[in-house]
Amino acid sequence: MELDSYQKKAAKYDLAKATTNLKDPGFIEKVLGLVGEAGETTDKIKKMIRDKDGVVSDEDKGLVIKELGDVLWYVASIARYLDVPLSEVASGNLEKLEGRLQRDKLHGEGDER
């Protein structure tokens, strides 16, 4: 599926009205939702490491995929609230990573490395 198509279809499930006002409760809910879903993803992986010696079963993989889908929904929604196509977010990220690779800066700290 194309990223922008996903973003448009995902908007159907947003009960709030998209706005670029960062103080809008709908926007704040999306940011908090992203953090929450990222935490749930992390927690599932942590438990696989702690309780299953890092072995990922098909069931575990399915659970993580569902959480990643929720993360994707929130990322797409936040981008939509900012009036940015999801494809622009993705391509910008790849350009940033390519620049770091070319400068041998994939490791390290800071956004501008």
PDB file of N, CA and C in Angstrom:
ATOM      1  N   MET A   1       0.840  -1.181   0.000  1.00  0.00           N
ATOM      2  CA  MET A   1       0.000   0.000   0.000  1.00  0.00           C
ATOM      3  C   MET A   1       0.883   1.241   0.000  1.00  0.00           C
ATOM      4  N   GLU A   2       0.504   2.214  -0.749  1.00  0.00           N
ATOM      5  CA  GLU A   2       1.207   3.496  -0.799  1.00  0.00           C
ATOM      6  C   GLU A   2       0.969   4.263   0.510  1.00  0.00           C
ATOM      7  N   LEU A   3       1.997   4.948   0.970  1.00  0.00           N
ATOM      8  CA  LEU A   3       1.900   5.644   2.256  1.00  0.00           C
ATOM      9  C   LEU A   3       0.814   6.712   2.269  1.00  0.00           C
ATOM     10  N   ASP A   4       0.732   7.519   1.212  1.00  0.00           N
ATOM     11  CA  ASP A   4      -0.280   8.584   1.202  1.00  0.00           C
ATOM     12  C   ASP A   4      -1.693   8.013   1.132  1.00  0.00           C
ATOM     13  N   SER A   5      -1.842   6.906   0.433  1.00  0.00           N
ATOM     14  CA  SER A   5      -3.139   6.230   0.382  1.00  0.00           C
ATOM     15  C   SER A   5      -3.520   5.731   1.777  1.00  0.00           C
ATOM     16  N   TYR A   6      -2.559   5.126   2.461  1.00  0.00           N
ATOM     17  CA  TYR A   6      -2.800   4.682   3.837  1.00  0.00           C
ATOM     18  C   TYR A   6      -3.230   5.862   4.704  1.00  0.00           C
ATOM     19  N   GLN A   7      -2.504   6.961   4.605  1.00  0.00           N
ATOM     20  CA  GLN A   7      -2.799   8.130   5.429  1.00  0.00           C
ATOM     21  C   GLN A   7      -4.231   8.631   5.192  1.00  0.00           C
ATOM     22  N   LYS A   8      -4.637   8.683   3.952  1.00  0.00           N
ATOM     23  CA  LYS A   8      -5.997   9.138   3.635  1.00  0.00           C
ATOM     24  C   LYS A   8      -7.043   8.171   4.173  1.00  0.00           C
ATOM     25  N   LYS A   9      -6.802   6.869   3.988  1.00  0.00           N
ATOM     26  CA  LYS A   9      -7.763   5.878   4.475  1.00  0.00           C
ATOM     27  C   LYS A   9      -7.799   5.837   6.002  1.00  0.00           C
ATOM     28  N   ALA A  10      -6.664   6.040   6.647  1.00  0.00           N
ATOM     29  CA  ALA A  10      -6.585   6.002   8.109  1.00  0.00           C
ATOM     30  C   ALA A  10      -7.356   7.153   8.745  1.00  0.00           C
ATOM     31  N   ALA A  11      -7.510   8.257   8.029  1.00  0.00           N
ATOM     32  CA  ALA A  11      -8.225   9.425   8.569  1.00  0.00           C
ATOM     33  C   ALA A  11      -9.678   9.081   8.914  1.00  0.00           C
ATOM     34  N   LYS A  12     -10.209   8.091   8.275  1.00  0.00           N
ATOM     35  CA  LYS A  12     -11.596   7.661   8.520  1.00  0.00           C
ATOM     36  C   LYS A  12     -11.824   7.297   9.985  1.00  0.00           C
ATOM     37  N   TYR A  13     -10.769   6.838  10.656  1.00  0.00           N
ATOM     38  CA  TYR A  13     -10.906   6.336  12.018  1.00  0.00           C
ATOM     39  C   TYR A  13     -10.550   7.372  13.080  1.00  0.00           C
ATOM     40  N   ASP A  14     -10.343   8.601  12.658  1.00  0.00           N
ATOM     41  CA  ASP A  14     -10.045   9.688  13.588  1.00  0.00           C
ATOM     42  C   ASP A  14     -11.353  10.391  13.927  1.00  0.00           C
ATOM     43  N   LEU A  15     -11.738  10.339  15.175  1.00  0.00           N
ATOM     44  CA  LEU A  15     -12.999  10.937  15.594  1.00  0.00           C
ATOM     45  C   LEU A  15     -12.896  12.438  15.797  1.00  0.00           C
ATOM     46  N   ALA A  16     -11.680  12.975  15.859  1.00  0.00           N
ATOM     47  CA  ALA A  16     -11.473  14.414  16.030  1.00  0.00           C
ATOM     48  C   ALA A  16     -11.294  15.064  14.660  1.00  0.00           C
ATOM     49  N   LYS A  17     -11.457  16.375  14.633  1.00  0.00           N
ATOM     50  CA  LYS A  17     -11.260  17.131  13.395  1.00  0.00           C
ATOM     51  C   LYS A  17      -9.804  17.568  13.314  1.00  0.00           C
ATOM     52  N   ALA A  18      -9.146  17.244  12.210  1.00  0.00           N
ATOM     53  CA  ALA A  18      -7.739  17.596  12.044  1.00  0.00           C
ATOM     54  C   ALA A  18      -7.570  19.109  12.037  1.00  0.00           C
ATOM     55  N   THR A  19      -6.579  19.577  12.774  1.00  0.00           N
ATOM     56  CA  THR A  19      -6.256  20.991  12.843  1.00  0.00           C
ATOM     57  C   THR A  19      -4.759  21.147  13.029  1.00  0.00           C
ATOM     58  N   THR A  20      -4.229  22.279  12.621  1.00  0.00           N
ATOM     59  CA  THR A  20      -2.802  22.525  12.822  1.00  0.00           C
ATOM     60  C   THR A  20      -2.545  23.252  14.141  1.00  0.00           C
ATOM     61  N   ASN A  21      -3.584  23.452  14.949  1.00  0.00           N
ATOM     62  CA  ASN A  21      -3.412  24.071  16.264  1.00  0.00           C
ATOM     63  C   ASN A  21      -2.872  23.021  17.231  1.00  0.00           C
ATOM     64  N   LEU A  22      -1.638  23.206  17.655  1.00  0.00           N
ATOM     65  CA  LEU A  22      -0.996  22.220  18.518  1.00  0.00           C
ATOM     66  C   LEU A  22      -1.659  22.107  19.885  1.00  0.00           C
ATOM     67  N   LYS A  23      -2.484  23.061  20.260  1.00  0.00           N
ATOM     68  CA  LYS A  23      -3.186  23.000  21.544  1.00  0.00           C
ATOM     69  C   LYS A  23      -4.537  22.296  21.432  1.00  0.00           C
ATOM     70  N   ASP A  24      -4.924  21.939  20.224  1.00  0.00           N
ATOM     71  CA  ASP A  24      -6.197  21.262  20.010  1.00  0.00           C
ATOM     72  C   ASP A  24      -6.176  19.894  20.687  1.00  0.00           C
ATOM     73  N   PRO A  25      -7.223  19.554  21.430  1.00  0.00           N
ATOM     74  CA  PRO A  25      -7.249  18.250  22.107  1.00  0.00           C
ATOM     75  C   PRO A  25      -7.065  17.058  21.165  1.00  0.00           C
ATOM     76  N   GLY A  26      -7.568  17.144  19.944  1.00  0.00           N
ATOM     77  CA  GLY A  26      -7.402  16.045  18.996  1.00  0.00           C
ATOM     78  C   GLY A  26      -5.945  15.830  18.635  1.00  0.00           C
ATOM     79  N   PHE A  27      -5.209  16.920  18.445  1.00  0.00           N
ATOM     80  CA  PHE A  27      -3.786  16.818  18.122  1.00  0.00           C
ATOM     81  C   PHE A  27      -3.014  16.274  19.315  1.00  0.00           C
ATOM     82  N   ILE A  28      -3.291  16.790  20.488  1.00  0.00           N
ATOM     83  CA  ILE A  28      -2.606  16.328  21.699  1.00  0.00           C
ATOM     84  C   ILE A  28      -2.870  14.842  21.912  1.00  0.00           C
ATOM     85  N   GLU A  29      -4.099  14.408  21.676  1.00  0.00           N
ATOM     86  CA  GLU A  29      -4.439  12.993  21.834  1.00  0.00           C
ATOM     87  C   GLU A  29      -3.617  12.127  20.890  1.00  0.00           C
ATOM     88  N   LYS A  30      -3.371  12.624  19.674  1.00  0.00           N
ATOM     89  CA  LYS A  30      -2.574  11.840  18.720  1.00  0.00           C
ATOM     90  C   LYS A  30      -1.131  11.712  19.194  1.00  0.00           C
ATOM     91  N   VAL A  31      -0.564  12.785  19.705  1.00  0.00           N
ATOM     92  CA  VAL A  31       0.817  12.737  20.202  1.00  0.00           C
ATOM     93  C   VAL A  31       0.922  11.794  21.399  1.00  0.00           C
ATOM     94  N   LEU A  32      -0.014  11.901  22.317  1.00  0.00           N
ATOM     95  CA  LEU A  32      -0.005  11.010  23.482  1.00  0.00           C
ATOM     96  C   LEU A  32      -0.259   9.563  23.063  1.00  0.00           C
ATOM     97  N   GLY A  33      -1.126   9.378  22.090  1.00  0.00           N
ATOM     98  CA  GLY A  33      -1.394   8.034  21.588  1.00  0.00           C
ATOM     99  C   GLY A  33      -0.166   7.397  20.967  1.00  0.00           C
ATOM    100  N   LEU A  34       0.615   8.200  20.238  1.00  0.00           N
ATOM    101  CA  LEU A  34       1.849   7.689  19.630  1.00  0.00           C
ATOM    102  C   LEU A  34       2.807   7.196  20.696  1.00  0.00           C
ATOM    103  N   VAL A  35       2.978   7.984  21.725  1.00  0.00           N
ATOM    104  CA  VAL A  35       3.878   7.594  22.814  1.00  0.00           C
ATOM    105  C   VAL A  35       3.372   6.327  23.499  1.00  0.00           C
ATOM    106  N   GLY A  36       2.072   6.263  23.726  1.00  0.00           N
ATOM    107  CA  GLY A  36       1.484   5.093  24.369  1.00  0.00           C
ATOM    108  C   GLY A  36       1.668   3.827  23.551  1.00  0.00           C
ATOM    109  N   GLU A  37       1.406   3.909  22.255  1.00  0.00           N
ATOM    110  CA  GLU A  37       1.534   2.730  21.399  1.00  0.00           C
ATOM    111  C   GLU A  37       2.998   2.315  21.230  1.00  0.00           C
ATOM    112  N   ALA A  38       3.890   3.301  21.162  1.00  0.00           N
ATOM    113  CA  ALA A  38       5.317   2.970  21.103  1.00  0.00           C
ATOM    114  C   ALA A  38       5.726   2.253  22.389  1.00  0.00           C
ATOM    115  N   GLY A  39       5.184   2.699  23.511  1.00  0.00           N
ATOM    116  CA  GLY A  39       5.468   2.039  24.786  1.00  0.00           C
ATOM    117  C   GLY A  39       4.924   0.615  24.823  1.00  0.00           C
ATOM    118  N   GLU A  40       3.729   0.414  24.296  1.00  0.00           N
ATOM    119  CA  GLU A  40       3.165  -0.945  24.258  1.00  0.00           C
ATOM    120  C   GLU A  40       4.006  -1.858  23.374  1.00  0.00           C
ATOM    121  N   THR A  41       4.496  -1.320  22.251  1.00  0.00           N
ATOM    122  CA  THR A  41       5.368  -2.101  21.373  1.00  0.00           C
ATOM    123  C   THR A  41       6.632  -2.503  22.119  1.00  0.00           C
ATOM    124  N   THR A  42       7.233  -1.535  22.771  1.00  0.00           N
ATOM    125  CA  THR A  42       8.460  -1.770  23.533  1.00  0.00           C
ATOM    126  C   THR A  42       8.233  -2.791  24.639  1.00  0.00           C
ATOM    127  N   ASP A  43       7.112  -2.689  25.321  1.00  0.00           N
ATOM    128  CA  ASP A  43       6.817  -3.596  26.424  1.00  0.00           C
ATOM    129  C   ASP A  43       6.676  -5.042  25.941  1.00  0.00           C
ATOM    130  N   LYS A  44       6.038  -5.230  24.804  1.00  0.00           N
ATOM    131  CA  LYS A  44       5.898  -6.587  24.259  1.00  0.00           C
ATOM    132  C   LYS A  44       7.270  -7.174  23.927  1.00  0.00           C
ATOM    133  N   ILE A  45       8.132  -6.373  23.331  1.00  0.00           N
ATOM    134  CA  ILE A  45       9.473  -6.852  22.993  1.00  0.00           C
ATOM    135  C   ILE A  45      10.281  -7.108  24.257  1.00  0.00           C
ATOM    136  N   LYS A  46      10.165  -6.234  25.246  1.00  0.00           N
ATOM    137  CA  LYS A  46      10.867  -6.424  26.523  1.00  0.00           C
ATOM    138  C   LYS A  46      10.483  -7.752  27.152  1.00  0.00           C
ATOM    139  N   LYS A  47       9.204  -8.075  27.122  1.00  0.00           N
ATOM    140  CA  LYS A  47       8.751  -9.330  27.731  1.00  0.00           C
ATOM    141  C   LYS A  47       9.238 -10.548  26.964  1.00  0.00           C
ATOM    142  N   MET A  48       9.401 -10.416  25.655  1.00  0.00           N
ATOM    143  CA  MET A  48       9.962 -11.527  24.888  1.00  0.00           C
ATOM    144  C   MET A  48      11.425 -11.744  25.264  1.00  0.00           C
ATOM    145  N   ILE A  49      12.134 -10.667  25.510  1.00  0.00           N
ATOM    146  CA  ILE A  49      13.535 -10.774  25.928  1.00  0.00           C
ATOM    147  C   ILE A  49      13.614 -11.348  27.338  1.00  0.00           C
ATOM    148  N   ARG A  50      12.809 -10.798  28.237  1.00  0.00           N
ATOM    149  CA  ARG A  50      12.861 -11.197  29.644  1.00  0.00           C
ATOM    150  C   ARG A  50      12.310 -12.593  29.879  1.00  0.00           C
ATOM    151  N   ASP A  51      11.169 -12.895  29.294  1.00  0.00           N
ATOM    152  CA  ASP A  51      10.460 -14.126  29.629  1.00  0.00           C
ATOM    153  C   ASP A  51      10.702 -15.275  28.651  1.00  0.00           C
ATOM    154  N   LYS A  52      11.166 -14.966  27.453  1.00  0.00           N
ATOM    155  CA  LYS A  52      11.281 -16.004  26.419  1.00  0.00           C
ATOM    156  C   LYS A  52      12.681 -16.068  25.825  1.00  0.00           C
ATOM    157  N   ASP A  53      13.637 -15.525  26.556  1.00  0.00           N
ATOM    158  CA  ASP A  53      15.044 -15.551  26.133  1.00  0.00           C
ATOM    159  C   ASP A  53      15.230 -14.957  24.743  1.00  0.00           C
ATOM    160  N   GLY A  54      14.396 -13.974  24.392  1.00  0.00           N
ATOM    161  CA  GLY A  54      14.525 -13.292  23.109  1.00  0.00           C
ATOM    162  C   GLY A  54      13.963 -14.039  21.924  1.00  0.00           C
ATOM    163  N   VAL A  55      13.319 -15.168  22.170  1.00  0.00           N
ATOM    164  CA  VAL A  55      12.738 -15.957  21.084  1.00  0.00           C
ATOM    165  C   VAL A  55      11.363 -15.383  20.737  1.00  0.00           C
ATOM    166  N   VAL A  56      11.141 -15.132  19.448  1.00  0.00           N
ATOM    167  CA  VAL A  56       9.895 -14.529  18.981  1.00  0.00           C
ATOM    168  C   VAL A  56       9.035 -15.600  18.323  1.00  0.00           C
ATOM    169  N   SER A  57       7.892 -15.883  18.936  1.00  0.00           N
ATOM    170  CA  SER A  57       6.958 -16.835  18.337  1.00  0.00           C
ATOM    171  C   SER A  57       6.120 -16.128  17.273  1.00  0.00           C
ATOM    172  N   ASP A  58       5.405 -16.903  16.480  1.00  0.00           N
ATOM    173  CA  ASP A  58       4.511 -16.311  15.489  1.00  0.00           C
ATOM    174  C   ASP A  58       3.441 -15.457  16.170  1.00  0.00           C
ATOM    175  N   GLU A  59       2.958 -15.927  17.316  1.00  0.00           N
ATOM    176  CA  GLU A  59       1.956 -15.160  18.067  1.00  0.00           C
ATOM    177  C   GLU A  59       2.545 -13.832  18.540  1.00  0.00           C
ATOM    178  N   ASP A  60       3.767 -13.884  19.080  1.00  0.00           N
ATOM    179  CA  ASP A  60       4.432 -12.658  19.528  1.00  0.00           C
ATOM    180  C   ASP A  60       4.616 -11.688  18.370  1.00  0.00           C
ATOM    181  N   LYS A  61       5.048 -12.211  17.244  1.00  0.00           N
ATOM    182  CA  LYS A  61       5.262 -11.367  16.069  1.00  0.00           C
ATOM    183  C   LYS A  61       3.953 -10.689  15.667  1.00  0.00           C
ATOM    184  N   GLY A  62       2.866 -11.439  15.696  1.00  0.00           N
ATOM    185  CA  GLY A  62       1.563 -10.869  15.371  1.00  0.00           C
ATOM    186  C   GLY A  62       1.164  -9.745  16.311  1.00  0.00           C
ATOM    187  N   LEU A  63       1.460  -9.926  17.598  1.00  0.00           N
ATOM    188  CA  LEU A  63       1.133  -8.887  18.578  1.00  0.00           C
ATOM    189  C   LEU A  63       1.956  -7.624  18.343  1.00  0.00           C
ATOM    190  N   VAL A  64       3.228  -7.794  18.026  1.00  0.00           N
ATOM    191  CA  VAL A  64       4.083  -6.633  17.752  1.00  0.00           C
ATOM    192  C   VAL A  64       3.635  -5.938  16.472  1.00  0.00           C
ATOM    193  N   ILE A  65       3.280  -6.695  15.467  1.00  0.00           N
ATOM    194  CA  ILE A  65       2.801  -6.106  14.214  1.00  0.00           C
ATOM    195  C   ILE A  65       1.560  -5.257  14.463  1.00  0.00           C
ATOM    196  N   LYS A  66       0.648  -5.743  15.294  1.00  0.00           N
ATOM    197  CA  LYS A  66      -0.555  -4.960  15.618  1.00  0.00           C
ATOM    198  C   LYS A  66      -0.181  -3.644  16.298  1.00  0.00           C
ATOM    199  N   GLU A  67       0.759  -3.698  17.218  1.00  0.00           N
ATOM    200  CA  GLU A  67       1.189  -2.473  17.907  1.00  0.00           C
ATOM    201  C   GLU A  67       1.876  -1.519  16.933  1.00  0.00           C
ATOM    202  N   LEU A  68       2.699  -2.062  16.045  1.00  0.00           N
ATOM    203  CA  LEU A  68       3.358  -1.213  15.051  1.00  0.00           C
ATOM    204  C   LEU A  68       2.333  -0.558  14.122  1.00  0.00           C
ATOM    205  N   GLY A  69       1.271  -1.281  13.832  1.00  0.00           N
ATOM    206  CA  GLY A  69       0.185  -0.694  13.045  1.00  0.00           C
ATOM    207  C   GLY A  69      -0.435   0.492  13.754  1.00  0.00           C
ATOM    208  N   ASP A  70      -0.612   0.369  15.068  1.00  0.00           N
ATOM    209  CA  ASP A  70      -1.148   1.486  15.840  1.00  0.00           C
ATOM    210  C   ASP A  70      -0.181   2.666  15.838  1.00  0.00           C
ATOM    211  N   VAL A  71       1.121   2.375  15.957  1.00  0.00           N
ATOM    212  CA  VAL A  71       2.135   3.436  15.877  1.00  0.00           C
ATOM    213  C   VAL A  71       2.036   4.132  14.523  1.00  0.00           C
ATOM    214  N   LEU A  72       1.933   3.348  13.460  1.00  0.00           N
ATOM    215  CA  LEU A  72       1.830   3.908  12.116  1.00  0.00           C
ATOM    216  C   LEU A  72       0.602   4.802  11.989  1.00  0.00           C
ATOM    217  N   TRP A  73      -0.513   4.369  12.552  1.00  0.00           N
ATOM    218  CA  TRP A  73      -1.741   5.173  12.480  1.00  0.00           C
ATOM    219  C   TRP A  73      -1.532   6.536  13.132  1.00  0.00           C
ATOM    220  N   TYR A  74      -0.910   6.540  14.295  1.00  0.00           N
ATOM    221  CA  TYR A  74      -0.674   7.809  14.981  1.00  0.00           C
ATOM    222  C   TYR A  74       0.326   8.678  14.226  1.00  0.00           C
ATOM    223  N   VAL A  75       1.369   8.101  13.665  1.00  0.00           N
ATOM    224  CA  VAL A  75       2.325   8.877  12.871  1.00  0.00           C
ATOM    225  C   VAL A  75       1.614   9.492  11.661  1.00  0.00           C
ATOM    226  N   ALA A  76       0.819   8.691  10.977  1.00  0.00           N
ATOM    227  CA  ALA A  76       0.077   9.192   9.816  1.00  0.00           C
ATOM    228  C   ALA A  76      -0.883  10.299  10.219  1.00  0.00           C
ATOM    229  N   SER A  77      -1.519  10.141  11.362  1.00  0.00           N
ATOM    230  CA  SER A  77      -2.476  11.147  11.830  1.00  0.00           C
ATOM    231  C   SER A  77      -1.782  12.450  12.202  1.00  0.00           C
ATOM    232  N   ILE A  78      -0.672  12.349  12.919  1.00  0.00           N
ATOM    233  CA  ILE A  78       0.062  13.564  13.299  1.00  0.00           C
ATOM    234  C   ILE A  78       0.539  14.291  12.049  1.00  0.00           C
ATOM    235  N   ALA A  79       1.057  13.559  11.085  1.00  0.00           N
ATOM    236  CA  ALA A  79       1.483  14.187   9.833  1.00  0.00           C
ATOM    237  C   ALA A  79       0.293  14.864   9.144  1.00  0.00           C
ATOM    238  N   ARG A  80      -0.857  14.200   9.161  1.00  0.00           N
ATOM    239  CA  ARG A  80      -2.058  14.789   8.541  1.00  0.00           C
ATOM    240  C   ARG A  80      -2.466  16.063   9.258  1.00  0.00           C
ATOM    241  N   TYR A  81      -2.407  16.071  10.584  1.00  0.00           N
ATOM    242  CA  TYR A  81      -2.736  17.279  11.337  1.00  0.00           C
ATOM    243  C   TYR A  81      -1.784  18.416  10.974  1.00  0.00           C
ATOM    244  N   LEU A  82      -0.556  18.071  10.659  1.00  0.00           N
ATOM    245  CA  LEU A  82       0.434  19.081  10.259  1.00  0.00           C
ATOM    246  C   LEU A  82       0.367  19.385   8.766  1.00  0.00           C
ATOM    247  N   ASP A  83      -0.584  18.751   8.076  1.00  0.00           N
ATOM    248  CA  ASP A  83      -0.790  18.934   6.642  1.00  0.00           C
ATOM    249  C   ASP A  83       0.445  18.517   5.844  1.00  0.00           C
ATOM    250  N   VAL A  84       1.011  17.377   6.226  1.00  0.00           N
ATOM    251  CA  VAL A  84       2.196  16.835   5.573  1.00  0.00           C
ATOM    252  C   VAL A  84       1.872  15.418   5.095  1.00  0.00           C
ATOM    253  N   PRO A  85       2.084  15.135   3.821  1.00  0.00           N
ATOM    254  CA  PRO A  85       1.867  13.762   3.344  1.00  0.00           C
ATOM    255  C   PRO A  85       2.822  12.792   4.035  1.00  0.00           C
ATOM    256  N   LEU A  86       2.338  11.623   4.358  1.00  0.00           N
ATOM    257  CA  LEU A  86       3.158  10.613   5.014  1.00  0.00           C
ATOM    258  C   LEU A  86       4.363  10.240   4.142  1.00  0.00           C
ATOM    259  N   SER A  87       4.196  10.277   2.840  1.00  0.00           N
ATOM    260  CA  SER A  87       5.317   9.981   1.940  1.00  0.00           C
ATOM    261  C   SER A  87       6.436  10.999   2.112  1.00  0.00           C
ATOM    262  N   GLU A  88       6.101  12.234   2.414  1.00  0.00           N
ATOM    263  CA  GLU A  88       7.117  13.270   2.643  1.00  0.00           C
ATOM    264  C   GLU A  88       7.890  12.980   3.931  1.00  0.00           C
ATOM    265  N   VAL A  89       7.185  12.517   4.951  1.00  0.00           N
ATOM    266  CA  VAL A  89       7.842  12.130   6.199  1.00  0.00           C
ATOM    267  C   VAL A  89       8.824  10.992   5.920  1.00  0.00           C
ATOM    268  N   ALA A  90       8.374   9.983   5.197  1.00  0.00           N
ATOM    269  CA  ALA A  90       9.205   8.814   4.909  1.00  0.00           C
ATOM    270  C   ALA A  90      10.401   9.178   4.036  1.00  0.00           C
ATOM    271  N   SER A  91      10.180   9.935   2.975  1.00  0.00           N
ATOM    272  CA  SER A  91      11.293  10.280   2.085  1.00  0.00           C
ATOM    273  C   SER A  91      12.287  11.197   2.781  1.00  0.00           C
ATOM    274  N   GLY A  92      11.794  12.115   3.604  1.00  0.00           N
ATOM    275  CA  GLY A  92      12.700  12.977   4.367  1.00  0.00           C
ATOM    276  C   GLY A  92      13.564  12.182   5.329  1.00  0.00           C
ATOM    277  N   ASN A  93      12.983  11.162   5.922  1.00  0.00           N
ATOM    278  CA  ASN A  93      13.744  10.314   6.843  1.00  0.00           C
ATOM    279  C   ASN A  93      14.831   9.551   6.098  1.00  0.00           C
ATOM    280  N   LEU A  94      14.492   9.005   4.935  1.00  0.00           N
ATOM    281  CA  LEU A  94      15.491   8.276   4.153  1.00  0.00           C
ATOM    282  C   LEU A  94      16.615   9.199   3.685  1.00  0.00           C
ATOM    283  N   GLU A  95      16.274  10.419   3.301  1.00  0.00           N
ATOM    284  CA  GLU A  95      17.298  11.387   2.891  1.00  0.00           C
ATOM    285  C   GLU A  95      18.226  11.711   4.057  1.00  0.00           C
ATOM    286  N   LYS A  96      17.668  11.891   5.243  1.00  0.00           N
ATOM    287  CA  LYS A  96      18.473  12.163   6.428  1.00  0.00           C
ATOM    288  C   LYS A  96      19.413  11.006   6.714  1.00  0.00           C
ATOM    289  N   LEU A  97      18.888   9.788   6.671  1.00  0.00           N
ATOM    290  CA  LEU A  97      19.705   8.608   6.943  1.00  0.00           C
ATOM    291  C   LEU A  97      20.790   8.415   5.884  1.00  0.00           C
ATOM    292  N   GLU A  98      20.453   8.671   4.636  1.00  0.00           N
ATOM    293  CA  GLU A  98      21.450   8.552   3.572  1.00  0.00           C
ATOM    294  C   GLU A  98      22.582   9.559   3.780  1.00  0.00           C
ATOM    295  N   GLY A  99      22.230  10.772   4.175  1.00  0.00           N
ATOM    296  CA  GLY A  99      23.252  11.773   4.457  1.00  0.00           C
ATOM    297  C   GLY A  99      24.172  11.335   5.587  1.00  0.00           C
ATOM    298  N   ARG A 100      23.602  10.753   6.620  1.00  0.00           N
ATOM    299  CA  ARG A 100      24.411  10.246   7.728  1.00  0.00           C
ATOM    300  C   ARG A 100      25.306   9.105   7.266  1.00  0.00           C
ATOM    301  N   LEU A 101      24.761   8.221   6.439  1.00  0.00           N
ATOM    302  CA  LEU A 101      25.557   7.112   5.924  1.00  0.00           C
ATOM    303  C   LEU A 101      26.734   7.641   5.106  1.00  0.00           C
ATOM    304  N   GLN A 102      26.473   8.605   4.247  1.00  0.00           N
ATOM    305  CA  GLN A 102      27.522   9.164   3.401  1.00  0.00           C
ATOM    306  C   GLN A 102      28.609   9.864   4.224  1.00  0.00           C
ATOM    307  N   ARG A 103      28.224  10.440   5.353  1.00  0.00           N
ATOM    308  CA  ARG A 103      29.183  11.124   6.232  1.00  0.00           C
ATOM    309  C   ARG A 103      29.710  10.209   7.323  1.00  0.00           C
ATOM    310  N   ASP A 104      29.357   8.924   7.277  1.00  0.00           N
ATOM    311  CA  ASP A 104      29.754   7.949   8.292  1.00  0.00           C
ATOM    312  C   ASP A 104      29.312   8.399   9.687  1.00  0.00           C
ATOM    313  N   LYS A 105      28.047   8.839   9.775  1.00  0.00           N
ATOM    314  CA  LYS A 105      27.504   9.355  11.032  1.00  0.00           C
ATOM    315  C   LYS A 105      26.235   8.624  11.457  1.00  0.00           C
ATOM    316  N   LEU A 106      26.080   7.361  11.056  1.00  0.00           N
ATOM    317  CA  LEU A 106      24.899   6.612  11.495  1.00  0.00           C
ATOM    318  C   LEU A 106      24.943   6.380  12.995  1.00  0.00           C
ATOM    319  N   HIS A 107      26.139   6.229  13.552  1.00  0.00           N
ATOM    320  CA  HIS A 107      26.291   6.080  14.997  1.00  0.00           C
ATOM    321  C   HIS A 107      26.497   7.458  15.606  1.00  0.00           C
ATOM    322  N   GLY A 108      26.198   7.567  16.854  1.00  0.00           N
ATOM    323  CA  GLY A 108      26.407   8.838  17.531  1.00  0.00           C
ATOM    324  C   GLY A 108      25.107   9.392  18.060  1.00  0.00           C
ATOM    325  N   GLU A 109      25.141  10.647  18.453  1.00  0.00           N
ATOM    326  CA  GLU A 109      23.973  11.289  19.051  1.00  0.00           C
ATOM    327  C   GLU A 109      23.672  12.602  18.345  1.00  0.00           C
ATOM    328  N   GLY A 110      22.436  13.027  18.478  1.00  0.00           N
ATOM    329  CA  GLY A 110      22.029  14.321  17.936  1.00  0.00           C
ATOM    330  C   GLY A 110      21.371  14.202  16.590  1.00  0.00           C
ATOM    331  N   ASP A 111      20.364  15.045  16.372  1.00  0.00           N
ATOM    332  CA  ASP A 111      19.640  15.025  15.118  1.00  0.00           C
ATOM    333  C   ASP A 111      20.469  15.529  13.945  1.00  0.00           C
ATOM    334  N   GLU A 112      21.389  16.445  14.192  1.00  0.00           N
ATOM    335  CA  GLU A 112      22.142  17.073  13.110  1.00  0.00           C
ATOM    336  C   GLU A 112      23.513  16.463  12.895  1.00  0.00           C
ATOM    337  N   ARG A 113      23.701  15.207  13.272  1.00  0.00           N
ATOM    338  CA  ARG A 113      25.022  14.599  13.104  1.00  0.00           C
ATOM    339  C   ARG A 113      25.292  14.227  11.661  1.00  0.00           C
TER     340      ARG A 113
END
